Amino acid sequence: MGETTNVAHRLEHVLWLGGGSGAGKSTVAQRLAAEYGLQVFPTDDAMSRHAAALTAEQAPHLARFRAMTMDERWLDRSPEVMLDTFHWFQGEGFDLIVKDLLTLPSDPPVLVEGFRLLPRLVAPLLPDVRNAVWLLPMPVFRRAAFDSRGTTWDIAGRTSDPARALAHLLARDRLFTERLAVETRQLGLNVVEADIGTQPEALVKQVAGLLHLRS
């Protein structure tokens, strides 16, 4: 408990932007950084480095995932099993995110963003709930985001049945977003829903308001 309190104190300058895949976290973070003078730490950029640093003992889900073929990962298991065994969704490597944040200068404030920011892991590090927001994309919004990026088939296309693999991936991500909604509500944390027709400017404005950012 004492160690967590100490870390939380050292991270008082950090703002957290979590949420489901395809929610627009990176776009919102970059716009907030430009408008309010923040430094951004995108956790997606650190995933490969963190994965390489984790041992099988530290990250058993990751070790099993690495040993699977693409079909075993995305076709042979149900979306529910995929959700419950995906290493990042289980918080493996979160301590490495915290370790990275502790090395960054505290001025300007840091905005850390990514789907790996699980509410139950972030909550103990918050001096105030106003330091964190989770973006929850609705299924149609998420699919439109993937299509606009041209990344819809990046993973599924490497399996023997891309259409089925994509259906599994989208279902898994929907379940993850639903889980985030439950967890944030139970912990009293801030959320913003992103639905089809929601413009980036609206997301930026809502997140800035919840984080109490001032120019």
C-alpha atoms as a PDB file:
ATOM      1  CA  MET A   1       0.000   0.000   0.000  1.00  0.00           C
ATOM      2  CA  GLY A   2       2.816   2.380   0.935  1.00  0.00           C
ATOM      3  CA  GLU A   3       4.640   1.727  -2.322  1.00  0.00           C
ATOM      4  CA  THR A   4       1.462   2.379  -4.343  1.00  0.00           C
ATOM      5  CA  THR A   5       0.888   5.637  -2.458  1.00  0.00           C
ATOM      6  CA  ASN A   6       4.449   6.717  -3.161  1.00  0.00           C
ATOM      7  CA  VAL A   7       4.136   5.929  -6.866  1.00  0.00           C
ATOM      8  CA  ALA A   8       0.797   7.732  -7.047  1.00  0.00           C
ATOM      9  CA  HIS A   9       2.416  10.804  -5.496  1.00  0.00           C
ATOM     10  CA  ARG A  10       5.234  10.691  -8.061  1.00  0.00           C
ATOM     11  CA  LEU A  11       2.678  10.439 -10.877  1.00  0.00           C
ATOM     12  CA  GLU A  12       0.453  13.336  -9.806  1.00  0.00           C
ATOM     13  CA  HIS A  13       1.401  15.179 -13.023  1.00  0.00           C
ATOM     14  CA  VAL A  14       0.170  12.304 -15.216  1.00  0.00           C
ATOM     15  CA  LEU A  15      -3.167  12.296 -17.030  1.00  0.00           C
ATOM     16  CA  TRP A  16      -4.563   8.966 -18.243  1.00  0.00           C
ATOM     17  CA  LEU A  17      -6.563   8.312 -21.424  1.00  0.00           C
ATOM     18  CA  GLY A  18      -7.643   4.699 -21.748  1.00  0.00           C
ATOM     19  CA  GLY A  19     -10.371   2.934 -23.676  1.00  0.00           C
ATOM     20  CA  GLY A  20     -11.219   0.347 -26.261  1.00  0.00           C
ATOM     21  CA  SER A  21      -9.456  -0.147 -29.559  1.00  0.00           C
ATOM     22  CA  GLY A  22     -10.600   2.195 -32.303  1.00  0.00           C
ATOM     23  CA  ALA A  23     -11.903   4.808 -29.866  1.00  0.00           C
ATOM     24  CA  GLY A  24      -9.729   7.652 -31.163  1.00  0.00           C
ATOM     25  CA  LYS A  25      -7.396   7.787 -28.150  1.00  0.00           C
ATOM     26  CA  SER A  26      -4.278   8.679 -30.160  1.00  0.00           C
ATOM     27  CA  THR A  27      -6.046  11.403 -32.130  1.00  0.00           C
ATOM     28  CA  VAL A  28      -7.560  12.926 -29.008  1.00  0.00           C
ATOM     29  CA  ALA A  29      -4.251  12.746 -27.142  1.00  0.00           C
ATOM     30  CA  GLN A  30      -2.311  14.496 -29.899  1.00  0.00           C
ATOM     31  CA  ARG A  31      -4.895  17.267 -30.154  1.00  0.00           C
ATOM     32  CA  LEU A  32      -4.959  17.776 -26.404  1.00  0.00           C
ATOM     33  CA  ALA A  33      -1.170  17.875 -26.342  1.00  0.00           C
ATOM     34  CA  ALA A  34      -1.082  20.538 -29.037  1.00  0.00           C
ATOM     35  CA  GLU A  35      -3.768  22.669 -27.393  1.00  0.00           C
ATOM     36  CA  TYR A  36      -2.713  22.379 -23.762  1.00  0.00           C
ATOM     37  CA  GLY A  37       1.042  21.858 -24.001  1.00  0.00           C
ATOM     38  CA  LEU A  38       1.184  18.267 -22.800  1.00  0.00           C
ATOM     39  CA  GLN A  39       3.753  15.564 -23.532  1.00  0.00           C
ATOM     40  CA  VAL A  40       2.176  12.353 -24.826  1.00  0.00           C
ATOM     41  CA  PHE A  41       3.246   8.823 -23.902  1.00  0.00           C
ATOM     42  CA  PRO A  42       1.555   6.384 -26.349  1.00  0.00           C
ATOM     43  CA  THR A  43       1.646   2.969 -24.705  1.00  0.00           C
ATOM     44  CA  ASP A  44       1.149   1.232 -28.074  1.00  0.00           C
ATOM     45  CA  ASP A  45       4.612   2.449 -29.081  1.00  0.00           C
ATOM     46  CA  ALA A  46       6.119   0.643 -26.101  1.00  0.00           C
ATOM     47  CA  MET A  47       4.336  -2.694 -26.584  1.00  0.00           C
ATOM     48  CA  SER A  48       7.095  -4.472 -28.516  1.00  0.00           C
ATOM     49  CA  ARG A  49       9.749  -3.263 -26.099  1.00  0.00           C
ATOM     50  CA  HIS A  50       7.702  -4.284 -23.085  1.00  0.00           C
ATOM     51  CA  ALA A  51       6.847  -7.684 -24.563  1.00  0.00           C
ATOM     52  CA  ALA A  52      10.532  -8.358 -25.182  1.00  0.00           C
ATOM     53  CA  ALA A  53      11.354  -7.494 -21.568  1.00  0.00           C
ATOM     54  CA  LEU A  54       8.767  -9.819 -19.990  1.00  0.00           C
ATOM     55  CA  THR A  55       9.646 -13.374 -19.014  1.00  0.00           C
ATOM     56  CA  ALA A  56       7.242 -16.307 -19.134  1.00  0.00           C
ATOM     57  CA  GLU A  57       7.009 -16.168 -15.349  1.00  0.00           C
ATOM     58  CA  GLN A  58       6.119 -12.477 -15.401  1.00  0.00           C
ATOM     59  CA  ALA A  59       3.659 -12.779 -18.300  1.00  0.00           C
ATOM     60  CA  PRO A  60       2.293 -16.328 -18.715  1.00  0.00           C
ATOM     61  CA  HIS A  61      -0.557 -15.227 -20.987  1.00  0.00           C
ATOM     62  CA  LEU A  62       1.920 -13.507 -23.290  1.00  0.00           C
ATOM     63  CA  ALA A  63       4.131 -16.602 -23.363  1.00  0.00           C
ATOM     64  CA  ARG A  64       1.213 -18.807 -24.408  1.00  0.00           C
ATOM     65  CA  PHE A  65       0.088 -16.247 -26.993  1.00  0.00           C
ATOM     66  CA  ARG A  66       3.549 -16.139 -28.548  1.00  0.00           C
ATOM     67  CA  ALA A  67       3.565 -19.922 -28.929  1.00  0.00           C
ATOM     68  CA  MET A  68       0.287 -19.960 -30.911  1.00  0.00           C
ATOM     69  CA  THR A  69      -0.182 -19.830 -34.667  1.00  0.00           C
ATOM     70  CA  MET A  70      -2.365 -17.089 -36.124  1.00  0.00           C
ATOM     71  CA  ASP A  71      -5.241 -19.552 -36.520  1.00  0.00           C
ATOM     72  CA  GLU A  72      -4.866 -20.699 -32.932  1.00  0.00           C
ATOM     73  CA  ARG A  73      -4.964 -17.088 -31.778  1.00  0.00           C
ATOM     74  CA  TRP A  74      -7.879 -15.793 -33.824  1.00  0.00           C
ATOM     75  CA  LEU A  75      -9.886 -18.762 -35.145  1.00  0.00           C
ATOM     76  CA  ASP A  76      -9.679 -21.706 -32.768  1.00  0.00           C
ATOM     77  CA  ARG A  77     -10.863 -19.871 -29.650  1.00  0.00           C
ATOM     78  CA  SER A  78     -14.076 -18.050 -28.841  1.00  0.00           C
ATOM     79  CA  PRO A  79     -14.072 -14.255 -28.441  1.00  0.00           C
ATOM     80  CA  GLU A  80     -14.749 -14.775 -24.734  1.00  0.00           C
ATOM     81  CA  VAL A  81     -11.650 -16.948 -24.304  1.00  0.00           C
ATOM     82  CA  MET A  82      -9.634 -14.521 -26.425  1.00  0.00           C
ATOM     83  CA  LEU A  83     -10.699 -11.707 -24.096  1.00  0.00           C
ATOM     84  CA  ASP A  84      -9.921 -13.550 -20.883  1.00  0.00           C
ATOM     85  CA  THR A  85      -6.490 -14.757 -22.006  1.00  0.00           C
ATOM     86  CA  PHE A  86      -5.140 -11.734 -23.899  1.00  0.00           C
ATOM     87  CA  HIS A  87      -2.053 -10.642 -22.010  1.00  0.00           C
ATOM     88  CA  TRP A  88      -2.533  -6.874 -22.258  1.00  0.00           C
ATOM     89  CA  PHE A  89      -6.191  -7.171 -21.202  1.00  0.00           C
ATOM     90  CA  GLN A  90      -4.974  -9.032 -18.111  1.00  0.00           C
ATOM     91  CA  GLY A  91      -2.596  -6.240 -17.146  1.00  0.00           C
ATOM     92  CA  GLU A  92       0.646  -8.022 -17.958  1.00  0.00           C
ATOM     93  CA  GLY A  93       3.372  -5.414 -18.431  1.00  0.00           C
ATOM     94  CA  PHE A  94       1.438  -2.570 -16.819  1.00  0.00           C
ATOM     95  CA  ASP A  95       4.248  -2.157 -14.308  1.00  0.00           C
ATOM     96  CA  LEU A  96       6.569  -1.401 -17.228  1.00  0.00           C
ATOM     97  CA  ILE A  97       4.276   1.452 -18.305  1.00  0.00           C
ATOM     98  CA  VAL A  98       4.496   2.864 -14.778  1.00  0.00           C
ATOM     99  CA  LYS A  99       8.272   2.424 -14.796  1.00  0.00           C
ATOM    100  CA  ASP A 100       8.504   4.386 -18.059  1.00  0.00           C
ATOM    101  CA  LEU A 101       6.280   7.168 -16.700  1.00  0.00           C
ATOM    102  CA  LEU A 102       8.479   7.535 -13.639  1.00  0.00           C
ATOM    103  CA  THR A 103      11.459   8.334 -15.894  1.00  0.00           C
ATOM    104  CA  LEU A 104       9.721  11.168 -17.744  1.00  0.00           C
ATOM    105  CA  PRO A 105      10.059  14.812 -16.670  1.00  0.00           C
ATOM    106  CA  SER A 106       7.040  16.122 -14.793  1.00  0.00           C
ATOM    107  CA  ASP A 107       6.916  19.375 -16.753  1.00  0.00           C
ATOM    108  CA  PRO A 108       5.035  19.632 -19.012  1.00  0.00           C
ATOM    109  CA  PRO A 109       2.380  17.256 -17.660  1.00  0.00           C
ATOM    110  CA  VAL A 110       2.232  13.803 -19.254  1.00  0.00           C
ATOM    111  CA  LEU A 111      -0.798  12.427 -21.070  1.00  0.00           C
ATOM    112  CA  VAL A 112      -0.445   8.643 -21.271  1.00  0.00           C
ATOM    113  CA  GLU A 113      -2.806   6.894 -23.657  1.00  0.00           C
ATOM    114  CA  GLY A 114      -3.642   3.367 -24.756  1.00  0.00           C
ATOM    115  CA  PHE A 115      -5.964   0.417 -24.316  1.00  0.00           C
ATOM    116  CA  ARG A 116      -3.536  -1.159 -21.817  1.00  0.00           C
ATOM    117  CA  LEU A 117      -4.603   1.386 -19.169  1.00  0.00           C
ATOM    118  CA  LEU A 118      -7.025  -0.863 -17.328  1.00  0.00           C
ATOM    119  CA  PRO A 119      -9.258   1.007 -14.857  1.00  0.00           C
ATOM    120  CA  ARG A 120      -8.543  -1.337 -11.941  1.00  0.00           C
ATOM    121  CA  LEU A 121      -4.790  -0.779 -12.371  1.00  0.00           C
ATOM    122  CA  VAL A 122      -4.929   2.970 -12.946  1.00  0.00           C
ATOM    123  CA  ALA A 123      -7.413   3.816 -10.178  1.00  0.00           C
ATOM    124  CA  PRO A 124      -4.968   3.255  -7.255  1.00  0.00           C
ATOM    125  CA  LEU A 125      -2.527   5.678  -8.918  1.00  0.00           C
ATOM    126  CA  LEU A 126      -4.978   8.561  -9.243  1.00  0.00           C
ATOM    127  CA  PRO A 127      -4.799  11.513  -6.857  1.00  0.00           C
ATOM    128  CA  ASP A 128      -8.150  12.587  -8.305  1.00  0.00           C
ATOM    129  CA  VAL A 129     -10.624  10.918 -10.684  1.00  0.00           C
ATOM    130  CA  ARG A 130     -10.307  14.051 -12.831  1.00  0.00           C
ATOM    131  CA  ASN A 131      -6.866  12.795 -13.896  1.00  0.00           C
ATOM    132  CA  ALA A 132      -8.292   9.997 -16.048  1.00  0.00           C
ATOM    133  CA  VAL A 133     -10.845   9.355 -18.795  1.00  0.00           C
ATOM    134  CA  TRP A 134     -11.757   6.225 -20.745  1.00  0.00           C
ATOM    135  CA  LEU A 135     -13.102   6.382 -24.306  1.00  0.00           C
ATOM    136  CA  LEU A 136     -15.676   3.687 -25.039  1.00  0.00           C
ATOM    137  CA  PRO A 137     -16.252   3.132 -28.771  1.00  0.00           C
ATOM    138  CA  MET A 138     -19.540   1.723 -29.965  1.00  0.00           C
ATOM    139  CA  PRO A 139     -19.158  -1.220 -32.427  1.00  0.00           C
ATOM    140  CA  VAL A 140     -20.058   0.798 -35.533  1.00  0.00           C
ATOM    141  CA  PHE A 141     -17.671   3.587 -34.521  1.00  0.00           C
ATOM    142  CA  ARG A 142     -14.866   1.078 -33.954  1.00  0.00           C
ATOM    143  CA  ARG A 143     -15.354  -0.619 -37.329  1.00  0.00           C
ATOM    144  CA  ALA A 144     -15.451   2.752 -39.104  1.00  0.00           C
ATOM    145  CA  ALA A 145     -12.220   3.749 -37.352  1.00  0.00           C
ATOM    146  CA  PHE A 146     -10.447   0.572 -38.467  1.00  0.00           C
ATOM    147  CA  ASP A 147     -11.716   0.986 -42.021  1.00  0.00           C
ATOM    148  CA  SER A 148     -10.554   4.609 -42.183  1.00  0.00           C
ATOM    149  CA  ARG A 149      -7.069   3.590 -41.037  1.00  0.00           C
ATOM    150  CA  GLY A 150      -6.882   0.732 -43.510  1.00  0.00           C
ATOM    151  CA  THR A 151      -6.042  -1.690 -40.676  1.00  0.00           C
ATOM    152  CA  THR A 152      -9.258  -3.727 -40.617  1.00  0.00           C
ATOM    153  CA  TRP A 153      -7.706  -6.852 -42.132  1.00  0.00           C
ATOM    154  CA  ASP A 154      -4.136  -6.508 -40.833  1.00  0.00           C
ATOM    155  CA  ILE A 155      -4.469  -9.342 -38.317  1.00  0.00           C
ATOM    156  CA  ALA A 156      -7.397 -11.302 -39.718  1.00  0.00           C
ATOM    157  CA  GLY A 157      -5.824 -11.375 -43.183  1.00  0.00           C
ATOM    158  CA  ARG A 158      -2.958 -13.488 -41.845  1.00  0.00           C
ATOM    159  CA  THR A 159      -5.266 -16.363 -40.887  1.00  0.00           C
ATOM    160  CA  SER A 160      -6.795 -19.126 -43.030  1.00  0.00           C
ATOM    161  CA  ASP A 161     -10.293 -17.630 -42.639  1.00  0.00           C
ATOM    162  CA  PRO A 162     -10.032 -13.811 -42.553  1.00  0.00           C
ATOM    163  CA  ALA A 163     -13.769 -13.137 -42.353  1.00  0.00           C
ATOM    164  CA  ARG A 164     -14.245 -15.391 -39.346  1.00  0.00           C
ATOM    165  CA  ALA A 165     -11.111 -14.101 -37.674  1.00  0.00           C
ATOM    166  CA  LEU A 166     -12.284 -10.516 -38.110  1.00  0.00           C
ATOM    167  CA  ALA A 167     -15.666 -11.394 -36.608  1.00  0.00           C
ATOM    168  CA  HIS A 168     -13.867 -12.898 -33.603  1.00  0.00           C
ATOM    169  CA  LEU A 169     -11.627  -9.851 -33.210  1.00  0.00           C
ATOM    170  CA  LEU A 170     -14.506  -7.392 -33.387  1.00  0.00           C
ATOM    171  CA  ALA A 171     -16.524  -9.453 -30.913  1.00  0.00           C
ATOM    172  CA  ARG A 172     -13.567  -9.642 -28.531  1.00  0.00           C
ATOM    173  CA  ASP A 173     -13.044  -5.874 -28.718  1.00  0.00           C
ATOM    174  CA  ARG A 174     -16.754  -5.266 -28.123  1.00  0.00           C
ATOM    175  CA  LEU A 175     -16.598  -7.460 -25.017  1.00  0.00           C
ATOM    176  CA  PHE A 176     -13.501  -5.601 -23.839  1.00  0.00           C
ATOM    177  CA  THR A 177     -15.277  -2.263 -24.187  1.00  0.00           C
ATOM    178  CA  GLU A 178     -18.258  -3.633 -22.277  1.00  0.00           C
ATOM    179  CA  ARG A 179     -15.922  -4.789 -19.532  1.00  0.00           C
ATOM    180  CA  LEU A 180     -14.332  -1.339 -19.383  1.00  0.00           C
ATOM    181  CA  ALA A 181     -17.785   0.217 -19.051  1.00  0.00           C
ATOM    182  CA  VAL A 182     -18.603  -1.985 -16.059  1.00  0.00           C
ATOM    183  CA  GLU A 183     -15.226  -1.501 -14.396  1.00  0.00           C
ATOM    184  CA  THR A 184     -15.151   2.286 -14.775  1.00  0.00           C
ATOM    185  CA  ARG A 185     -18.694   2.554 -13.450  1.00  0.00           C
ATOM    186  CA  GLN A 186     -17.861   0.416 -10.405  1.00  0.00           C
ATOM    187  CA  LEU A 187     -14.783   2.536  -9.683  1.00  0.00           C
ATOM    188  CA  GLY A 188     -16.520   5.867 -10.267  1.00  0.00           C
ATOM    189  CA  LEU A 189     -14.221   6.827 -13.154  1.00  0.00           C
ATOM    190  CA  ASN A 190     -14.925   9.144 -16.082  1.00  0.00           C
ATOM    191  CA  VAL A 191     -15.974   7.815 -19.488  1.00  0.00           C
ATOM    192  CA  VAL A 192     -16.880   9.257 -22.879  1.00  0.00           C
ATOM    193  CA  GLU A 193     -18.816   7.170 -25.393  1.00  0.00           C
ATOM    194  CA  ALA A 194     -17.830   7.452 -29.047  1.00  0.00           C
ATOM    195  CA  ASP A 195     -20.659   6.583 -31.418  1.00  0.00           C
ATOM    196  CA  ILE A 196     -21.037   6.848 -35.161  1.00  0.00           C
ATOM    197  CA  GLY A 197     -21.261  10.503 -36.091  1.00  0.00           C
ATOM    198  CA  THR A 198     -19.181  11.613 -33.111  1.00  0.00           C
ATOM    199  CA  GLN A 199     -16.626  14.078 -34.415  1.00  0.00           C
ATOM    200  CA  PRO A 200     -13.032  14.205 -33.140  1.00  0.00           C
ATOM    201  CA  GLU A 201     -13.563  17.808 -32.022  1.00  0.00           C
ATOM    202  CA  ALA A 202     -16.434  16.699 -29.788  1.00  0.00           C
ATOM    203  CA  LEU A 203     -14.329  13.944 -28.220  1.00  0.00           C
ATOM    204  CA  VAL A 204     -11.468  16.356 -27.592  1.00  0.00           C
ATOM    205  CA  LYS A 205     -13.809  18.877 -25.972  1.00  0.00           C
ATOM    206  CA  GLN A 206     -15.448  16.280 -23.716  1.00  0.00           C
ATOM    207  CA  VAL A 207     -12.168  14.743 -22.611  1.00  0.00           C
ATOM    208  CA  ALA A 208     -10.607  18.159 -21.962  1.00  0.00           C
ATOM    209  CA  GLY A 209     -13.588  19.097 -19.830  1.00  0.00           C
ATOM    210  CA  LEU A 210     -13.433  15.926 -17.757  1.00  0.00           C
ATOM    211  CA  LEU A 211      -9.678  16.344 -17.260  1.00  0.00           C
ATOM    212  CA  HIS A 212     -10.285  19.987 -16.287  1.00  0.00           C
ATOM    213  CA  LEU A 213      -7.664  21.198 -18.759  1.00  0.00           C
ATOM    214  CA  ARG A 214      -7.205  24.923 -19.130  1.00  0.00           C
ATOM    215  CA  SER A 215      -5.321  26.763 -21.873  1.00  0.00           C
END
